[in-house]
């Protein structure tokens, strides 16, 4: 499954442009797949569930093994990621 758009932008703020693949889903949600370490595998997946331009949750691969092991969630619905969960 490919991306609708691919961009290069500095997501992490470190001065290096990461690759961001954007997928627009039929249900109106939008996924942003971010490759932070240039290995061709997303290290971060940000999801806007209702397509309103506000990220609702982010999955993170903290150790670079290709598997998401942490999640940040906007649990209150105020547009701010306020809950962090780590996979045990």
PDB file of N, CA and C in Angstrom:
ATOM      1  N   UNK A   1       0.848  -1.167   0.000  1.00  0.00           N
ATOM      2  CA  UNK A   1       0.000   0.000   0.000  1.00  0.00           C
ATOM      3  C   UNK A   1       0.896   1.234   0.000  1.00  0.00           C
ATOM      4  N   UNK A   2       0.704   2.098  -0.981  1.00  0.00           N
ATOM      5  CA  UNK A   2       1.555   3.274  -1.118  1.00  0.00           C
ATOM      6  C   UNK A   2       0.998   4.493  -0.410  1.00  0.00           C
ATOM      7  N   UNK A   3       1.659   5.598  -0.649  1.00  0.00           N
ATOM      8  CA  UNK A   3       1.261   6.860  -0.039  1.00  0.00           C
ATOM      9  C   UNK A   3       0.636   7.763  -1.085  1.00  0.00           C
ATOM     10  N   UNK A   4      -0.265   8.632  -0.634  1.00  0.00           N
ATOM     11  CA  UNK A   4      -0.873   9.624  -1.510  1.00  0.00           C
ATOM     12  C   UNK A   4       0.095  10.773  -1.784  1.00  0.00           C
ATOM     13  N   UNK A   5       0.944  11.066  -0.806  1.00  0.00           N
ATOM     14  CA  UNK A   5       1.938  12.132  -0.920  1.00  0.00           C
ATOM     15  C   UNK A   5       3.182  11.723  -0.142  1.00  0.00           C
ATOM     16  N   UNK A   6       4.333  12.211  -0.571  1.00  0.00           N
ATOM     17  CA  UNK A   6       5.578  12.027   0.177  1.00  0.00           C
ATOM     18  C   UNK A   6       6.269  13.382   0.245  1.00  0.00           C
ATOM     19  N   UNK A   7       6.685  13.758   1.447  1.00  0.00           N
ATOM     20  CA  UNK A   7       7.322  15.053   1.661  1.00  0.00           C
ATOM     21  C   UNK A   7       8.630  14.870   2.416  1.00  0.00           C
ATOM     22  N   UNK A   8       9.517  15.840   2.281  1.00  0.00           N
ATOM     23  CA  UNK A   8      10.733  15.932   3.097  1.00  0.00           C
ATOM     24  C   UNK A   8      10.561  17.168   3.966  1.00  0.00           C
ATOM     25  N   UNK A   9      10.595  16.969   5.296  1.00  0.00           N
ATOM     26  CA  UNK A   9      10.482  18.098   6.219  1.00  0.00           C
ATOM     27  C   UNK A   9      11.121  17.739   7.548  1.00  0.00           C
ATOM     28  N   UNK A  10      11.520  18.763   8.270  1.00  0.00           N
ATOM     29  CA  UNK A  10      12.163  18.571   9.562  1.00  0.00           C
ATOM     30  C   UNK A  10      11.090  18.432  10.640  1.00  0.00           C
ATOM     31  N   UNK A  11      10.681  17.214  10.915  1.00  0.00           N
ATOM     32  CA  UNK A  11       9.656  16.931  11.914  1.00  0.00           C
ATOM     33  C   UNK A  11      10.232  16.994  13.331  1.00  0.00           C
ATOM     34  N   UNK A  12      11.455  16.534  13.505  1.00  0.00           N
ATOM     35  CA  UNK A  12      12.063  16.436  14.835  1.00  0.00           C
ATOM     36  C   UNK A  12      12.707  17.739  15.319  1.00  0.00           C
ATOM     37  N   UNK A  13      12.906  18.688  14.415  1.00  0.00           N
ATOM     38  CA  UNK A  13      13.511  19.956  14.802  1.00  0.00           C
ATOM     39  C   UNK A  13      15.019  19.905  14.941  1.00  0.00           C
ATOM     40  N   UNK A  14      15.656  18.859  14.376  1.00  0.00           N
ATOM     41  CA  UNK A  14      17.106  18.718  14.507  1.00  0.00           C
ATOM     42  C   UNK A  14      17.883  19.264  13.311  1.00  0.00           C
ATOM     43  N   UNK A  15      17.196  19.913  12.369  1.00  0.00           N
ATOM     44  CA  UNK A  15      17.856  20.472  11.201  1.00  0.00           C
ATOM     45  C   UNK A  15      17.989  19.494  10.041  1.00  0.00           C
ATOM     46  N   UNK A  16      17.546  18.254  10.208  1.00  0.00           N
ATOM     47  CA  UNK A  16      17.589  17.222   9.171  1.00  0.00           C
ATOM     48  C   UNK A  16      16.171  16.938   8.691  1.00  0.00           C
ATOM     49  N   UNK A  17      15.965  16.933   7.374  1.00  0.00           N
ATOM     50  CA  UNK A  17      14.636  16.662   6.839  1.00  0.00           C
ATOM     51  C   UNK A  17      14.337  15.173   6.837  1.00  0.00           C
ATOM     52  N   UNK A  18      13.241  14.794   7.496  1.00  0.00           N
ATOM     53  CA  UNK A  18      12.783  13.417   7.503  1.00  0.00           C
ATOM     54  C   UNK A  18      11.831  13.198   6.327  1.00  0.00           C
ATOM     55  N   UNK A  19      11.670  11.935   5.924  1.00  0.00           N
ATOM     56  CA  UNK A  19      10.716  11.580   4.883  1.00  0.00           C
ATOM     57  C   UNK A  19       9.370  11.308   5.547  1.00  0.00           C
ATOM     58  N   UNK A  20       8.325  11.949   5.014  1.00  0.00           N
ATOM     59  CA  UNK A  20       6.976  11.795   5.559  1.00  0.00           C
ATOM     60  C   UNK A  20       6.048  11.304   4.446  1.00  0.00           C
ATOM     61  N   UNK A  21       5.502  10.108   4.636  1.00  0.00           N
ATOM     62  CA  UNK A  21       4.511   9.571   3.712  1.00  0.00           C
ATOM     63  C   UNK A  21       3.131   9.849   4.266  1.00  0.00           C
ATOM     64  N   UNK A  22       2.248  10.389   3.421  1.00  0.00           N
ATOM     65  CA  UNK A  22       0.896  10.735   3.848  1.00  0.00           C
ATOM     66  C   UNK A  22      -0.091   9.785   3.179  1.00  0.00           C
ATOM     67  N   UNK A  23      -0.937   9.178   3.998  1.00  0.00           N
ATOM     68  CA  UNK A  23      -1.975   8.288   3.481  1.00  0.00           C
ATOM     69  C   UNK A  23      -3.339   8.822   3.910  1.00  0.00           C
ATOM     70  N   UNK A  24      -4.194   9.100   2.926  1.00  0.00           N
ATOM     71  CA  UNK A  24      -5.562   9.560   3.192  1.00  0.00           C
ATOM     72  C   UNK A  24      -6.494   8.361   3.024  1.00  0.00           C
ATOM     73  N   UNK A  25      -7.160   7.985   4.091  1.00  0.00           N
ATOM     74  CA  UNK A  25      -7.998   6.791   4.101  1.00  0.00           C
ATOM     75  C   UNK A  25      -9.446   7.111   3.736  1.00  0.00           C
ATOM     76  N   UNK A  26     -10.160   6.101   3.274  1.00  0.00           N
ATOM     77  CA  UNK A  26     -11.552   6.264   2.855  1.00  0.00           C
ATOM     78  C   UNK A  26     -12.461   6.710   3.984  1.00  0.00           C
ATOM     79  N   UNK A  27     -12.103   6.408   5.230  1.00  0.00           N
ATOM     80  CA  UNK A  27     -12.940   6.789   6.371  1.00  0.00           C
ATOM     81  C   UNK A  27     -12.726   8.241   6.803  1.00  0.00           C
ATOM     82  N   UNK A  28     -11.855   8.980   6.080  1.00  0.00           N
ATOM     83  CA  UNK A  28     -11.581  10.380   6.395  1.00  0.00           C
ATOM     84  C   UNK A  28     -10.365  10.589   7.266  1.00  0.00           C
ATOM     85  N   UNK A  29      -9.801   9.521   7.791  1.00  0.00           N
ATOM     86  CA  UNK A  29      -8.599   9.652   8.622  1.00  0.00           C
ATOM     87  C   UNK A  29      -7.373   9.868   7.739  1.00  0.00           C
ATOM     88  N   UNK A  30      -6.355  10.467   8.336  1.00  0.00           N
ATOM     89  CA  UNK A  30      -5.096  10.738   7.633  1.00  0.00           C
ATOM     90  C   UNK A  30      -3.960  10.201   8.495  1.00  0.00           C
ATOM     91  N   UNK A  31      -3.042   9.457   7.869  1.00  0.00           N
ATOM     92  CA  UNK A  31      -1.876   8.902   8.555  1.00  0.00           C
ATOM     93  C   UNK A  31      -0.621   9.577   8.018  1.00  0.00           C
ATOM     94  N   UNK A  32       0.298   9.899   8.916  1.00  0.00           N
ATOM     95  CA  UNK A  32       1.593  10.470   8.561  1.00  0.00           C
ATOM     96  C   UNK A  32       2.661   9.501   9.042  1.00  0.00           C
ATOM     97  N   UNK A  33       3.363   8.871   8.113  1.00  0.00           N
ATOM     98  CA  UNK A  33       4.406   7.893   8.426  1.00  0.00           C
ATOM     99  C   UNK A  33       5.748   8.600   8.282  1.00  0.00           C
ATOM    100  N   UNK A  34       6.499   8.698   9.373  1.00  0.00           N
ATOM    101  CA  UNK A  34       7.736   9.481   9.400  1.00  0.00           C
ATOM    102  C   UNK A  34       8.935   8.551   9.589  1.00  0.00           C
ATOM    103  N   UNK A  35       9.883   8.637   8.644  1.00  0.00           N
ATOM    104  CA  UNK A  35      11.135   7.879   8.738  1.00  0.00           C
ATOM    105  C   UNK A  35      12.197   8.820   9.291  1.00  0.00           C
ATOM    106  N   UNK A  36      12.501   8.684  10.560  1.00  0.00           N
ATOM    107  CA  UNK A  36      13.421   9.591  11.248  1.00  0.00           C
ATOM    108  C   UNK A  36      14.880   9.259  10.947  1.00  0.00           C
ATOM    109  N   UNK A  37      15.218   7.967  10.814  1.00  0.00           N
ATOM    110  CA  UNK A  37      16.619   7.568  10.677  1.00  0.00           C
ATOM    111  C   UNK A  37      17.021   7.141   9.259  1.00  0.00           C
ATOM    112  N   UNK A  38      16.208   7.476   8.275  1.00  0.00           N
ATOM    113  CA  UNK A  38      16.526   7.232   6.853  1.00  0.00           C
ATOM    114  C   UNK A  38      16.776   5.769   6.513  1.00  0.00           C
ATOM    115  N   UNK A  39      16.105   4.845   7.215  1.00  0.00           N
ATOM    116  CA  UNK A  39      16.285   3.429   6.887  1.00  0.00           C
ATOM    117  C   UNK A  39      15.153   2.875   6.028  1.00  0.00           C
ATOM    118  N   UNK A  40      14.225   3.748   5.625  1.00  0.00           N
ATOM    119  CA  UNK A  40      13.116   3.323   4.777  1.00  0.00           C
ATOM    120  C   UNK A  40      11.931   2.752   5.539  1.00  0.00           C
ATOM    121  N   UNK A  41      11.991   2.768   6.880  1.00  0.00           N
ATOM    122  CA  UNK A  41      10.917   2.244   7.724  1.00  0.00           C
ATOM    123  C   UNK A  41      10.446   3.372   8.643  1.00  0.00           C
ATOM    124  N   UNK A  42       9.134   3.521   8.760  1.00  0.00           N
ATOM    125  CA  UNK A  42       8.583   4.583   9.615  1.00  0.00           C
ATOM    126  C   UNK A  42       8.930   4.338  11.081  1.00  0.00           C
ATOM    127  N   UNK A  43       9.417   5.389  11.731  1.00  0.00           N
ATOM    128  CA  UNK A  43       9.724   5.358  13.156  1.00  0.00           C
ATOM    129  C   UNK A  43       8.623   6.040  13.959  1.00  0.00           C
ATOM    130  N   UNK A  44       7.726   6.713  13.244  1.00  0.00           N
ATOM    131  CA  UNK A  44       6.648   7.453  13.876  1.00  0.00           C
ATOM    132  C   UNK A  44       5.438   7.402  12.944  1.00  0.00           C
ATOM    133  N   UNK A  45       4.271   7.180  13.518  1.00  0.00           N
ATOM    134  CA  UNK A  45       3.028   7.205  12.743  1.00  0.00           C
ATOM    135  C   UNK A  45       2.045   8.090  13.491  1.00  0.00           C
ATOM    136  N   UNK A  46       1.751   9.245  12.920  1.00  0.00           N
ATOM    137  CA  UNK A  46       0.796  10.173  13.514  1.00  0.00           C
ATOM    138  C   UNK A  46      -0.538  10.007  12.795  1.00  0.00           C
ATOM    139  N   UNK A  47      -1.630   9.953  13.559  1.00  0.00           N
ATOM    140  CA  UNK A  47      -2.940   9.705  12.984  1.00  0.00           C
ATOM    141  C   UNK A  47      -3.915  10.825  13.360  1.00  0.00           C
ATOM    142  N   UNK A  48      -4.548  11.369  12.329  1.00  0.00           N
ATOM    143  CA  UNK A  48      -5.647  12.322  12.482  1.00  0.00           C
ATOM    144  C   UNK A  48      -6.905  11.527  12.143  1.00  0.00           C
ATOM    145  N   UNK A  49      -7.602  11.029  13.144  1.00  0.00           N
ATOM    146  CA  UNK A  49      -8.713  10.094  12.940  1.00  0.00           C
ATOM    147  C   UNK A  49      -9.880  10.676  12.162  1.00  0.00           C
ATOM    148  N   UNK A  50     -10.152  11.973  12.313  1.00  0.00           N
ATOM    149  CA  UNK A  50     -11.326  12.545  11.655  1.00  0.00           C
ATOM    150  C   UNK A  50     -10.988  13.552  10.562  1.00  0.00           C
ATOM    151  N   UNK A  51      -9.708  13.682  10.207  1.00  0.00           N
ATOM    152  CA  UNK A  51      -9.305  14.555   9.109  1.00  0.00           C
ATOM    153  C   UNK A  51      -9.472  16.034   9.383  1.00  0.00           C
ATOM    154  N   UNK A  52      -9.496  16.422  10.668  1.00  0.00           N
ATOM    155  CA  UNK A  52      -9.679  17.829  11.009  1.00  0.00           C
ATOM    156  C   UNK A  52      -8.373  18.612  11.099  1.00  0.00           C
ATOM    157  N   UNK A  53      -7.251  17.940  10.819  1.00  0.00           N
ATOM    158  CA  UNK A  53      -5.953  18.602  10.872  1.00  0.00           C
ATOM    159  C   UNK A  53      -5.273  18.538  12.220  1.00  0.00           C
ATOM    160  N   UNK A  54      -5.922  17.893  13.205  1.00  0.00           N
ATOM    161  CA  UNK A  54      -5.366  17.758  14.550  1.00  0.00           C
ATOM    162  C   UNK A  54      -4.998  16.298  14.773  1.00  0.00           C
ATOM    163  N   UNK A  55      -3.753  16.056  15.179  1.00  0.00           N
ATOM    164  CA  UNK A  55      -3.284  14.692  15.428  1.00  0.00           C
ATOM    165  C   UNK A  55      -3.953  14.149  16.695  1.00  0.00           C
ATOM    166  N   UNK A  56      -4.516  12.932  16.572  1.00  0.00           N
ATOM    167  CA  UNK A  56      -5.198  12.300  17.697  1.00  0.00           C
ATOM    168  C   UNK A  56      -4.316  11.307  18.443  1.00  0.00           C
ATOM    169  N   UNK A  57      -3.397  10.666  17.743  1.00  0.00           N
ATOM    170  CA  UNK A  57      -2.446   9.766  18.409  1.00  0.00           C
ATOM    171  C   UNK A  57      -1.203   9.586  17.558  1.00  0.00           C
ATOM    172  N   UNK A  58      -0.122   9.216  18.239  1.00  0.00           N
ATOM    173  CA  UNK A  58       1.162   8.995  17.583  1.00  0.00           C
ATOM    174  C   UNK A  58       1.737   7.683  18.096  1.00  0.00           C
ATOM    175  N   UNK A  59       2.148   6.824  17.178  1.00  0.00           N
ATOM    176  CA  UNK A  59       2.855   5.599  17.531  1.00  0.00           C
ATOM    177  C   UNK A  59       4.333   5.836  17.285  1.00  0.00           C
ATOM    178  N   UNK A  60       5.192   5.340  18.185  1.00  0.00           N
ATOM    179  CA  UNK A  60       6.632   5.585  18.098  1.00  0.00           C
ATOM    180  C   UNK A  60       7.420   4.283  18.185  1.00  0.00           C
ATOM    181  N   UNK A  61       8.446   4.179  17.346  1.00  0.00           N
ATOM    182  CA  UNK A  61       9.424   3.090  17.442  1.00  0.00           C
ATOM    183  C   UNK A  61      10.650   3.689  18.119  1.00  0.00           C
ATOM    184  N   UNK A  62      10.738   3.537  19.420  1.00  0.00           N
ATOM    185  CA  UNK A  62      11.806   4.170  20.208  1.00  0.00           C
ATOM    186  C   UNK A  62      13.173   3.533  19.993  1.00  0.00           C
ATOM    187  N   UNK A  63      13.206   2.221  19.708  1.00  0.00           N
ATOM    188  CA  UNK A  63      14.494   1.527  19.619  1.00  0.00           C
ATOM    189  C   UNK A  63      14.927   1.171  18.199  1.00  0.00           C
ATOM    190  N   UNK A  64      14.165   1.597  17.195  1.00  0.00           N
ATOM    191  CA  UNK A  64      14.566   1.400  15.804  1.00  0.00           C
ATOM    192  C   UNK A  64      14.475  -0.017  15.293  1.00  0.00           C
ATOM    193  N   UNK A  65      13.668  -0.868  15.941  1.00  0.00           N
ATOM    194  CA  UNK A  65      13.559  -2.261  15.500  1.00  0.00           C
ATOM    195  C   UNK A  65      12.445  -2.489  14.476  1.00  0.00           C
ATOM    196  N   UNK A  66      11.775  -1.401  14.057  1.00  0.00           N
ATOM    197  CA  UNK A  66      10.720  -1.521  13.059  1.00  0.00           C
ATOM    198  C   UNK A  66       9.354  -1.816  13.642  1.00  0.00           C
ATOM    199  N   UNK A  67       9.249  -1.850  14.988  1.00  0.00           N
ATOM    200  CA  UNK A  67       7.978  -2.110  15.652  1.00  0.00           C
ATOM    201  C   UNK A  67       7.657  -0.939  16.575  1.00  0.00           C
ATOM    202  N   UNK A  68       6.413  -0.473  16.524  1.00  0.00           N
ATOM    203  CA  UNK A  68       6.004   0.619  17.398  1.00  0.00           C
ATOM    204  C   UNK A  68       5.930   0.117  18.837  1.00  0.00           C
ATOM    205  N   UNK A  69       6.576   0.853  19.764  1.00  0.00           N
ATOM    206  CA  UNK A  69       6.616   0.413  21.147  1.00  0.00           C
ATOM    207  C   UNK A  69       6.113   1.456  22.142  1.00  0.00           C
ATOM    208  N   UNK A  70       5.689   2.605  21.657  1.00  0.00           N
ATOM    209  CA  UNK A  70       5.127   3.647  22.516  1.00  0.00           C
ATOM    210  C   UNK A  70       4.010   4.348  21.758  1.00  0.00           C
ATOM    211  N   UNK A  71       3.103   4.935  22.513  1.00  0.00           N
ATOM    212  CA  UNK A  71       2.017   5.696  21.902  1.00  0.00           C
ATOM    213  C   UNK A  71       1.754   6.944  22.728  1.00  0.00           C
ATOM    214  N   UNK A  72       1.491   8.036  22.023  1.00  0.00           N
ATOM    215  CA  UNK A  72       1.042   9.268  22.664  1.00  0.00           C
ATOM    216  C   UNK A  72      -0.374   9.519  22.148  1.00  0.00           C
ATOM    217  N   UNK A  73      -1.280   9.868  23.071  1.00  0.00           N
ATOM    218  CA  UNK A  73      -2.692   9.975  22.731  1.00  0.00           C
ATOM    219  C   UNK A  73      -3.273  11.276  23.275  1.00  0.00           C
ATOM    220  N   UNK A  74      -4.173  11.866  22.498  1.00  0.00           N
ATOM    221  CA  UNK A  74      -4.958  12.999  22.982  1.00  0.00           C
ATOM    222  C   UNK A  74      -6.185  12.400  23.661  1.00  0.00           C
ATOM    223  N   UNK A  75      -6.067  12.076  24.933  1.00  0.00           N
ATOM    224  CA  UNK A  75      -7.148  11.392  25.644  1.00  0.00           C
ATOM    225  C   UNK A  75      -8.291  12.320  26.036  1.00  0.00           C
ATOM    226  N   UNK A  76      -8.047  13.618  26.064  1.00  0.00           N
ATOM    227  CA  UNK A  76      -9.092  14.562  26.461  1.00  0.00           C
ATOM    228  C   UNK A  76      -9.795  15.211  25.272  1.00  0.00           C
ATOM    229  N   UNK A  77      -9.255  15.020  24.049  1.00  0.00           N
ATOM    230  CA  UNK A  77      -9.877  15.593  22.867  1.00  0.00           C
ATOM    231  C   UNK A  77      -9.658  17.075  22.690  1.00  0.00           C
ATOM    232  N   UNK A  78      -8.648  17.637  23.382  1.00  0.00           N
ATOM    233  CA  UNK A  78      -8.399  19.076  23.305  1.00  0.00           C
ATOM    234  C   UNK A  78      -7.339  19.463  22.272  1.00  0.00           C
ATOM    235  N   UNK A  79      -6.842  18.484  21.507  1.00  0.00           N
ATOM    236  CA  UNK A  79      -5.835  18.778  20.492  1.00  0.00           C
ATOM    237  C   UNK A  79      -4.404  18.664  20.983  1.00  0.00           C
ATOM    238  N   UNK A  80      -4.221  18.304  22.261  1.00  0.00           N
ATOM    239  CA  UNK A  80      -2.887  18.139  22.834  1.00  0.00           C
ATOM    240  C   UNK A  80      -2.658  16.673  23.179  1.00  0.00           C
ATOM    241  N   UNK A  81      -1.519  16.116  22.768  1.00  0.00           N
ATOM    242  CA  UNK A  81      -1.175  14.746  23.149  1.00  0.00           C
ATOM    243  C   UNK A  81      -0.816  14.768  24.628  1.00  0.00           C
ATOM    244  N   UNK A  82      -1.615  14.091  25.447  1.00  0.00           N
ATOM    245  CA  UNK A  82      -1.444  14.226  26.890  1.00  0.00           C
ATOM    246  C   UNK A  82      -1.244  12.912  27.642  1.00  0.00           C
ATOM    247  N   UNK A  83      -1.297  11.788  26.954  1.00  0.00           N
ATOM    248  CA  UNK A  83      -1.093  10.512  27.607  1.00  0.00           C
ATOM    249  C   UNK A  83      -0.059   9.715  26.826  1.00  0.00           C
ATOM    250  N   UNK A  84       0.958   9.195  27.511  1.00  0.00           N
ATOM    251  CA  UNK A  84       2.003   8.396  26.877  1.00  0.00           C
ATOM    252  C   UNK A  84       1.941   6.993  27.440  1.00  0.00           C
ATOM    253  N   UNK A  85       1.964   6.012  26.550  1.00  0.00           N
ATOM    254  CA  UNK A  85       1.901   4.615  26.960  1.00  0.00           C
ATOM    255  C   UNK A  85       3.067   3.888  26.311  1.00  0.00           C
ATOM    256  N   UNK A  86       3.833   3.123  27.100  1.00  0.00           N
ATOM    257  CA  UNK A  86       4.936   2.324  26.593  1.00  0.00           C
ATOM    258  C   UNK A  86       4.541   0.857  26.621  1.00  0.00           C
ATOM    259  N   UNK A  87       4.911   0.143  25.568  1.00  0.00           N
ATOM    260  CA  UNK A  87       4.678  -1.298  25.522  1.00  0.00           C
ATOM    261  C   UNK A  87       5.644  -1.956  26.490  1.00  0.00           C
ATOM    262  N   UNK A  88       5.146  -2.881  27.253  1.00  0.00           N
ATOM    263  CA  UNK A  88       6.003  -3.556  28.237  1.00  0.00           C
ATOM    264  C   UNK A  88       6.672  -4.759  27.646  1.00  0.00           C
TER     265      UNK A  88
END
